[in-house]
Amino acid sequence: MTFEQWMRHRGLSESSVKKYEGAISGVMSAWAVHAGLIAGPLTSIQSLSQFESISIGVRKLPIYQERNERGHNMYNSALNKYAEYLGEGFDSDIEADLEAILAERSITDTERASLLKTRIGQGNFRQRLIALWGGCAVTGYKDTSMLVASHIKPWRASSNNERLDGYNGLLLLPTLDRAFDSGFISFDESGRILISPLLQYPNKLGIISDMEVKLKPENQEYMKFHRENIFRET
């Protein structure tokens, strides 16, 4: 879901949608690039923590301060809306999760290393998923170098034990992983795919209504959490 589509879904007026989208993808992106804060448009950022860091720099720019005051705080509102949009990415802000692991004082260095590897898709968690699924859990695609180790119950909602539990994971093709993490697809108790009405043109992503996954009993509680808390039914 694009920033523009998200704002419409959130009920913003068409004039607000156009103003905020234009501010983020247009003038503020140009200001940020010119100031050396970023190499490309603000809309290329998918990490909330990275966006918040860059937006601090944008707010310090004299041209931003002048235009924001003249525009009755519109540019500030646009930055806040884009941060809110990124915040609904659920499991996508890997940078913030890695920072949290590094700052955690109650775990050993060995546990920290294991969690770091798990969060970036390496280490024992990925190996467990390959052993459990042998390929993409949905399509059966076998080249594991092309597959993503995806958590069912999102990282931030999981305990450290759940983060490392192989049954809290699916091995997925990248498009399926992205849609699953973002709540645009899930799976019912029988393993049949659920496709959110908010996902536009799923067939163009290779996502079709007869897809399914052979869930194991140990997957069920994790998948129930995903259906009830992550899947975007409306």
C-alpha atoms as a PDB file:
ATOM      1  CA  MET A   1       0.000   0.000   0.000  1.00  0.00           C
ATOM      2  CA  THR A   2       1.493   3.322  -1.046  1.00  0.00           C
ATOM      3  CA  PHE A   3       1.538   6.402   1.190  1.00  0.00           C
ATOM      4  CA  GLU A   4      -1.183   7.944  -0.968  1.00  0.00           C
ATOM      5  CA  GLN A   5      -3.412   4.862  -0.762  1.00  0.00           C
ATOM      6  CA  TRP A   6      -2.831   4.596   2.993  1.00  0.00           C
ATOM      7  CA  MET A   7      -3.985   8.175   3.557  1.00  0.00           C
ATOM      8  CA  ARG A   8      -7.171   7.584   1.573  1.00  0.00           C
ATOM      9  CA  HIS A   9      -7.803   4.403   3.551  1.00  0.00           C
ATOM     10  CA  ARG A  10      -7.365   6.433   6.742  1.00  0.00           C
ATOM     11  CA  GLY A  11     -10.102   8.821   5.579  1.00  0.00           C
ATOM     12  CA  LEU A  12      -8.043  11.926   4.809  1.00  0.00           C
ATOM     13  CA  SER A  13      -9.602  14.426   2.448  1.00  0.00           C
ATOM     14  CA  GLU A  14      -8.425  14.398  -1.151  1.00  0.00           C
ATOM     15  CA  SER A  15      -6.854  17.835  -0.716  1.00  0.00           C
ATOM     16  CA  SER A  16      -4.859  16.631   2.315  1.00  0.00           C
ATOM     17  CA  VAL A  17      -3.753  13.496   0.453  1.00  0.00           C
ATOM     18  CA  LYS A  18      -2.413  15.569  -2.432  1.00  0.00           C
ATOM     19  CA  LYS A  19      -0.710  18.124  -0.171  1.00  0.00           C
ATOM     20  CA  TYR A  20       1.007  15.558   2.062  1.00  0.00           C
ATOM     21  CA  GLU A  21       2.049  13.245  -0.759  1.00  0.00           C
ATOM     22  CA  GLY A  22       3.376  16.168  -2.786  1.00  0.00           C
ATOM     23  CA  ALA A  23       5.289  17.544   0.192  1.00  0.00           C
ATOM     24  CA  ILE A  24       6.939  14.216   1.017  1.00  0.00           C
ATOM     25  CA  SER A  25       7.781  13.053  -2.518  1.00  0.00           C
ATOM     26  CA  GLY A  26       8.410  16.546  -3.889  1.00  0.00           C
ATOM     27  CA  VAL A  27       9.812  19.611  -2.173  1.00  0.00           C
ATOM     28  CA  MET A  28      10.896  18.040   1.128  1.00  0.00           C
ATOM     29  CA  SER A  29      12.677  15.222  -0.701  1.00  0.00           C
ATOM     30  CA  ALA A  30      14.463  17.859  -2.796  1.00  0.00           C
ATOM     31  CA  TRP A  31      15.445  19.794   0.329  1.00  0.00           C
ATOM     32  CA  ALA A  32      16.762  16.642   2.021  1.00  0.00           C
ATOM     33  CA  VAL A  33      18.796  15.590  -1.028  1.00  0.00           C
ATOM     34  CA  HIS A  34      20.211  19.106  -1.489  1.00  0.00           C
ATOM     35  CA  ALA A  35      21.223  19.204   2.184  1.00  0.00           C
ATOM     36  CA  GLY A  36      22.958  15.823   1.902  1.00  0.00           C
ATOM     37  CA  LEU A  37      20.591  14.150   4.352  1.00  0.00           C
ATOM     38  CA  ILE A  38      19.602  11.417   1.901  1.00  0.00           C
ATOM     39  CA  ALA A  39      20.610  10.268  -1.570  1.00  0.00           C
ATOM     40  CA  GLY A  40      17.081   9.764  -2.923  1.00  0.00           C
ATOM     41  CA  PRO A  41      13.461  10.670  -2.182  1.00  0.00           C
ATOM     42  CA  LEU A  42      12.002  10.390   1.309  1.00  0.00           C
ATOM     43  CA  THR A  43       9.542   7.848  -0.070  1.00  0.00           C
ATOM     44  CA  SER A  44      12.451   5.431  -0.601  1.00  0.00           C
ATOM     45  CA  ILE A  45      12.803   5.055   3.181  1.00  0.00           C
ATOM     46  CA  GLN A  46      11.120   1.978   4.654  1.00  0.00           C
ATOM     47  CA  SER A  47      12.643   2.148   8.150  1.00  0.00           C
ATOM     48  CA  LEU A  48      10.766   4.252  10.689  1.00  0.00           C
ATOM     49  CA  SER A  49      13.879   4.837  12.795  1.00  0.00           C
ATOM     50  CA  GLN A  50      15.850   6.002   9.747  1.00  0.00           C
ATOM     51  CA  PHE A  51      13.015   8.302   8.669  1.00  0.00           C
ATOM     52  CA  GLU A  52      12.731   9.829  12.127  1.00  0.00           C
ATOM     53  CA  SER A  53      16.471  10.535  12.134  1.00  0.00           C
ATOM     54  CA  ILE A  54      16.333  12.197   8.704  1.00  0.00           C
ATOM     55  CA  SER A  55      13.172  14.150   9.535  1.00  0.00           C
ATOM     56  CA  ILE A  56      15.009  15.748  12.479  1.00  0.00           C
ATOM     57  CA  GLY A  57      17.555  17.059   9.992  1.00  0.00           C
ATOM     58  CA  VAL A  58      14.831  18.244   7.617  1.00  0.00           C
ATOM     59  CA  ARG A  59      13.111  20.176  10.410  1.00  0.00           C
ATOM     60  CA  LYS A  60      16.369  22.032  11.122  1.00  0.00           C
ATOM     61  CA  LEU A  61      16.655  23.335   7.562  1.00  0.00           C
ATOM     62  CA  PRO A  62      15.942  27.090   7.252  1.00  0.00           C
ATOM     63  CA  ILE A  63      13.859  26.572   4.106  1.00  0.00           C
ATOM     64  CA  TYR A  64      11.718  23.995   5.942  1.00  0.00           C
ATOM     65  CA  GLN A  65      11.174  26.313   8.899  1.00  0.00           C
ATOM     66  CA  GLU A  66      10.251  29.217   6.634  1.00  0.00           C
ATOM     67  CA  ARG A  67       7.862  27.217   4.426  1.00  0.00           C
ATOM     68  CA  ASN A  68       6.335  25.340   7.354  1.00  0.00           C
ATOM     69  CA  GLU A  69       5.496  28.577   9.145  1.00  0.00           C
ATOM     70  CA  ARG A  70       4.104  30.098   5.966  1.00  0.00           C
ATOM     71  CA  GLY A  71       2.118  26.926   5.279  1.00  0.00           C
ATOM     72  CA  HIS A  72       0.515  26.839   8.755  1.00  0.00           C
ATOM     73  CA  ASN A  73       2.450  23.725   9.876  1.00  0.00           C
ATOM     74  CA  MET A  74       1.511  21.659   6.813  1.00  0.00           C
ATOM     75  CA  TYR A  75       5.023  20.302   6.250  1.00  0.00           C
ATOM     76  CA  ASN A  76       5.297  19.169   9.853  1.00  0.00           C
ATOM     77  CA  SER A  77       1.947  17.386   9.508  1.00  0.00           C
ATOM     78  CA  ALA A  78       3.167  15.669   6.327  1.00  0.00           C
ATOM     79  CA  LEU A  79       6.282  14.366   8.086  1.00  0.00           C
ATOM     80  CA  ASN A  80       4.175  13.094  10.980  1.00  0.00           C
ATOM     81  CA  LYS A  81       1.775  11.332   8.611  1.00  0.00           C
ATOM     82  CA  TYR A  82       4.595   9.596   6.748  1.00  0.00           C
ATOM     83  CA  ALA A  83       6.074   8.447  10.060  1.00  0.00           C
ATOM     84  CA  GLU A  84       2.653   7.065  11.014  1.00  0.00           C
ATOM     85  CA  TYR A  85       2.463   5.273   7.659  1.00  0.00           C
ATOM     86  CA  LEU A  86       5.880   3.677   8.174  1.00  0.00           C
ATOM     87  CA  GLY A  87       4.874   2.729  11.709  1.00  0.00           C
ATOM     88  CA  GLU A  88       2.176   0.473  10.284  1.00  0.00           C
ATOM     89  CA  GLY A  89       4.790  -1.626   8.479  1.00  0.00           C
ATOM     90  CA  PHE A  90       4.588  -3.957  11.506  1.00  0.00           C
ATOM     91  CA  ASP A  91       7.740  -6.040  11.117  1.00  0.00           C
ATOM     92  CA  SER A  92       9.719  -4.034   8.615  1.00  0.00           C
ATOM     93  CA  ASP A  93      11.815  -1.729  10.802  1.00  0.00           C
ATOM     94  CA  ILE A  94      14.815  -4.022  11.160  1.00  0.00           C
ATOM     95  CA  GLU A  95      17.198  -1.215  12.108  1.00  0.00           C
ATOM     96  CA  ALA A  96      15.214  -0.318  15.222  1.00  0.00           C
ATOM     97  CA  ASP A  97      15.011  -3.986  16.229  1.00  0.00           C
ATOM     98  CA  LEU A  98      18.769  -4.427  15.860  1.00  0.00           C
ATOM     99  CA  GLU A  99      19.372  -1.331  17.989  1.00  0.00           C
ATOM    100  CA  ALA A 100      17.071  -2.738  20.675  1.00  0.00           C
ATOM    101  CA  ILE A 101      18.977  -6.039  20.726  1.00  0.00           C
ATOM    102  CA  LEU A 102      22.298  -4.232  21.090  1.00  0.00           C
ATOM    103  CA  ALA A 103      20.904  -2.155  23.950  1.00  0.00           C
ATOM    104  CA  GLU A 104      19.404  -5.147  25.822  1.00  0.00           C
ATOM    105  CA  ARG A 105      21.319  -5.652  29.094  1.00  0.00           C
ATOM    106  CA  SER A 106      19.584  -8.787  30.393  1.00  0.00           C
ATOM    107  CA  ILE A 107      20.976 -11.225  27.816  1.00  0.00           C
ATOM    108  CA  THR A 108      24.390 -12.819  27.327  1.00  0.00           C
ATOM    109  CA  ASP A 109      26.676 -12.042  24.401  1.00  0.00           C
ATOM    110  CA  THR A 110      25.887 -15.483  22.953  1.00  0.00           C
ATOM    111  CA  GLU A 111      22.133 -14.817  23.145  1.00  0.00           C
ATOM    112  CA  ARG A 112      22.637 -11.360  21.628  1.00  0.00           C
ATOM    113  CA  ALA A 113      24.589 -12.795  18.703  1.00  0.00           C
ATOM    114  CA  SER A 114      21.901 -15.412  18.093  1.00  0.00           C
ATOM    115  CA  LEU A 115      19.128 -12.792  18.144  1.00  0.00           C
ATOM    116  CA  LEU A 116      21.051 -10.482  15.805  1.00  0.00           C
ATOM    117  CA  LYS A 117      21.594 -13.281  13.288  1.00  0.00           C
ATOM    118  CA  THR A 118      17.941 -14.283  13.547  1.00  0.00           C
ATOM    119  CA  ARG A 119      16.701 -10.738  12.931  1.00  0.00           C
ATOM    120  CA  ILE A 120      18.780 -10.312   9.783  1.00  0.00           C
ATOM    121  CA  GLY A 121      17.662 -13.688   8.439  1.00  0.00           C
ATOM    122  CA  GLN A 122      20.739 -15.754   9.171  1.00  0.00           C
ATOM    123  CA  GLY A 123      21.839 -18.242  11.798  1.00  0.00           C
ATOM    124  CA  ASN A 124      19.966 -21.061  13.472  1.00  0.00           C
ATOM    125  CA  PHE A 125      16.451 -19.701  12.928  1.00  0.00           C
ATOM    126  CA  ARG A 126      16.851 -19.742   9.161  1.00  0.00           C
ATOM    127  CA  GLN A 127      18.467 -23.177   9.314  1.00  0.00           C
ATOM    128  CA  ARG A 128      15.510 -24.501  11.337  1.00  0.00           C
ATOM    129  CA  LEU A 129      13.063 -23.161   8.776  1.00  0.00           C
ATOM    130  CA  ILE A 130      14.958 -24.767   5.919  1.00  0.00           C
ATOM    131  CA  ALA A 131      14.901 -28.071   7.810  1.00  0.00           C
ATOM    132  CA  LEU A 132      11.174 -27.734   8.580  1.00  0.00           C
ATOM    133  CA  TRP A 133       9.935 -26.571   5.185  1.00  0.00           C
ATOM    134  CA  GLY A 134      12.600 -27.607   2.662  1.00  0.00           C
ATOM    135  CA  GLY A 135      11.529 -24.760   0.361  1.00  0.00           C
ATOM    136  CA  CYS A 136       8.924 -22.014   0.170  1.00  0.00           C
ATOM    137  CA  ALA A 137       6.187 -23.019   2.618  1.00  0.00           C
ATOM    138  CA  VAL A 138       3.522 -21.878   0.138  1.00  0.00           C
ATOM    139  CA  THR A 139       4.814 -22.573  -3.368  1.00  0.00           C
ATOM    140  CA  GLY A 140       7.380 -25.307  -2.673  1.00  0.00           C
ATOM    141  CA  TYR A 141      10.103 -23.371  -4.515  1.00  0.00           C
ATOM    142  CA  LYS A 142      13.337 -25.164  -3.563  1.00  0.00           C
ATOM    143  CA  ASP A 143      16.210 -22.704  -4.068  1.00  0.00           C
ATOM    144  CA  THR A 144      16.589 -21.563  -0.456  1.00  0.00           C
ATOM    145  CA  SER A 145      19.041 -18.805  -1.438  1.00  0.00           C
ATOM    146  CA  MET A 146      16.019 -16.968  -2.888  1.00  0.00           C
ATOM    147  CA  LEU A 147      13.816 -17.425   0.194  1.00  0.00           C
ATOM    148  CA  VAL A 148      13.232 -15.271   3.275  1.00  0.00           C
ATOM    149  CA  ALA A 149      13.023 -16.545   6.852  1.00  0.00           C
ATOM    150  CA  SER A 150       9.824 -14.831   8.000  1.00  0.00           C
ATOM    151  CA  HIS A 151       8.436 -14.719  11.537  1.00  0.00           C
ATOM    152  CA  ILE A 152       4.724 -15.526  11.908  1.00  0.00           C
ATOM    153  CA  LYS A 153       4.239 -13.713  15.204  1.00  0.00           C
ATOM    154  CA  PRO A 154       6.166 -10.500  14.548  1.00  0.00           C
ATOM    155  CA  TRP A 155       9.546  -9.916  16.106  1.00  0.00           C
ATOM    156  CA  ARG A 156       8.438  -7.058  18.356  1.00  0.00           C
ATOM    157  CA  ALA A 157       5.486  -8.996  19.735  1.00  0.00           C
ATOM    158  CA  SER A 158       7.539 -12.120  20.463  1.00  0.00           C
ATOM    159  CA  SER A 159       9.578 -13.178  23.479  1.00  0.00           C
ATOM    160  CA  ASN A 160      13.230 -14.059  22.891  1.00  0.00           C
ATOM    161  CA  ASN A 161      12.289 -17.765  22.949  1.00  0.00           C
ATOM    162  CA  GLU A 162       9.546 -17.200  20.363  1.00  0.00           C
ATOM    163  CA  ARG A 163      11.959 -15.242  18.165  1.00  0.00           C
ATOM    164  CA  LEU A 164      14.199 -18.302  17.953  1.00  0.00           C
ATOM    165  CA  ASP A 165      11.425 -20.916  17.702  1.00  0.00           C
ATOM    166  CA  GLY A 166      11.423 -22.461  14.238  1.00  0.00           C
ATOM    167  CA  TYR A 167       7.678 -23.084  14.473  1.00  0.00           C
ATOM    168  CA  ASN A 168       7.215 -19.301  14.610  1.00  0.00           C
ATOM    169  CA  GLY A 169       8.404 -19.040  11.041  1.00  0.00           C
ATOM    170  CA  LEU A 170       7.672 -19.593   7.387  1.00  0.00           C
ATOM    171  CA  LEU A 171      10.195 -19.821   4.577  1.00  0.00           C
ATOM    172  CA  LEU A 172       8.773 -17.614   1.834  1.00  0.00           C
ATOM    173  CA  LEU A 173       9.454 -16.095  -1.549  1.00  0.00           C
ATOM    174  CA  PRO A 174      10.217 -12.364  -1.133  1.00  0.00           C
ATOM    175  CA  THR A 175       6.852 -11.110  -2.433  1.00  0.00           C
ATOM    176  CA  LEU A 176       4.959 -13.468  -0.126  1.00  0.00           C
ATOM    177  CA  ASP A 177       7.212 -12.494   2.791  1.00  0.00           C
ATOM    178  CA  ARG A 178       6.569  -8.784   2.256  1.00  0.00           C
ATOM    179  CA  ALA A 179       2.811  -9.260   1.941  1.00  0.00           C
ATOM    180  CA  PHE A 180       2.731 -11.521   5.012  1.00  0.00           C
ATOM    181  CA  ASP A 181       4.827  -9.196   7.193  1.00  0.00           C
ATOM    182  CA  SER A 182       2.675  -6.236   6.177  1.00  0.00           C
ATOM    183  CA  GLY A 183      -0.587  -8.043   6.956  1.00  0.00           C
ATOM    184  CA  PHE A 184      -1.857  -8.213   3.386  1.00  0.00           C
ATOM    185  CA  ILE A 185      -2.033 -12.014   3.503  1.00  0.00           C
ATOM    186  CA  SER A 186      -2.466 -14.583   6.265  1.00  0.00           C
ATOM    187  CA  PHE A 187      -3.623 -18.196   6.524  1.00  0.00           C
ATOM    188  CA  ASP A 188      -6.661 -19.787   8.149  1.00  0.00           C
ATOM    189  CA  GLU A 189      -6.548 -22.833  10.473  1.00  0.00           C
ATOM    190  CA  SER A 190      -6.609 -25.206   7.511  1.00  0.00           C
ATOM    191  CA  GLY A 191      -3.740 -23.350   5.861  1.00  0.00           C
ATOM    192  CA  ARG A 192      -5.705 -21.656   3.070  1.00  0.00           C
ATOM    193  CA  ILE A 193      -4.527 -18.191   2.149  1.00  0.00           C
ATOM    194  CA  LEU A 194      -6.439 -15.105   3.272  1.00  0.00           C
ATOM    195  CA  ILE A 195      -5.947 -12.075   1.020  1.00  0.00           C
ATOM    196  CA  SER A 196      -6.690  -8.608   2.358  1.00  0.00           C
ATOM    197  CA  PRO A 197      -9.041  -6.473   0.238  1.00  0.00           C
ATOM    198  CA  LEU A 198      -6.462  -3.708   0.721  1.00  0.00           C
ATOM    199  CA  LEU A 199      -3.870  -5.565  -1.392  1.00  0.00           C
ATOM    200  CA  GLN A 200      -4.176  -4.217  -4.918  1.00  0.00           C
ATOM    201  CA  TYR A 201      -3.706  -6.590  -7.880  1.00  0.00           C
ATOM    202  CA  PRO A 202      -2.395  -9.574  -5.842  1.00  0.00           C
ATOM    203  CA  ASN A 203      -2.174 -11.701  -8.986  1.00  0.00           C
ATOM    204  CA  LYS A 204       0.513  -9.371 -10.327  1.00  0.00           C
ATOM    205  CA  LEU A 205       2.566 -10.346  -7.276  1.00  0.00           C
ATOM    206  CA  GLY A 206       1.951 -14.023  -7.926  1.00  0.00           C
ATOM    207  CA  ILE A 207      -0.525 -14.221  -5.024  1.00  0.00           C
ATOM    208  CA  ILE A 208      -3.638 -16.241  -5.876  1.00  0.00           C
ATOM    209  CA  SER A 209      -6.660 -17.410  -3.902  1.00  0.00           C
ATOM    210  CA  ASP A 210      -5.949 -21.160  -4.042  1.00  0.00           C
ATOM    211  CA  MET A 211      -2.572 -20.915  -2.312  1.00  0.00           C
ATOM    212  CA  GLU A 212      -2.124 -22.764   0.955  1.00  0.00           C
ATOM    213  CA  VAL A 213       0.460 -23.831   3.492  1.00  0.00           C
ATOM    214  CA  LYS A 214       0.572 -27.139   5.362  1.00  0.00           C
ATOM    215  CA  LEU A 215       0.545 -25.766   8.896  1.00  0.00           C
ATOM    216  CA  LYS A 216       1.895 -27.916  11.667  1.00  0.00           C
ATOM    217  CA  PRO A 217       0.107 -28.021  15.073  1.00  0.00           C
ATOM    218  CA  GLU A 218       2.972 -26.008  16.573  1.00  0.00           C
ATOM    219  CA  ASN A 219       2.360 -23.215  14.028  1.00  0.00           C
ATOM    220  CA  GLN A 220      -1.291 -22.710  14.945  1.00  0.00           C
ATOM    221  CA  GLU A 221      -0.995 -20.350  17.949  1.00  0.00           C
ATOM    222  CA  TYR A 222       1.489 -18.168  16.112  1.00  0.00           C
ATOM    223  CA  MET A 223      -0.734 -18.034  13.027  1.00  0.00           C
ATOM    224  CA  LYS A 224      -3.777 -17.237  15.159  1.00  0.00           C
ATOM    225  CA  PHE A 225      -1.895 -14.237  16.534  1.00  0.00           C
ATOM    226  CA  HIS A 226      -1.064 -13.156  12.981  1.00  0.00           C
ATOM    227  CA  ARG A 227      -4.690 -13.431  11.823  1.00  0.00           C
ATOM    228  CA  GLU A 228      -6.051 -11.552  14.824  1.00  0.00           C
ATOM    229  CA  ASN A 229      -3.424  -8.839  15.156  1.00  0.00           C
ATOM    230  CA  ILE A 230      -1.562  -8.378  11.860  1.00  0.00           C
ATOM    231  CA  PHE A 231      -3.882  -9.368   9.008  1.00  0.00           C
ATOM    232  CA  ARG A 232      -5.671  -6.376   7.482  1.00  0.00           C
ATOM    233  CA  GLU A 233      -9.224  -7.609   7.078  1.00  0.00           C
ATOM    234  CA  THR A 234     -10.531  -4.137   6.196  1.00  0.00           C
END
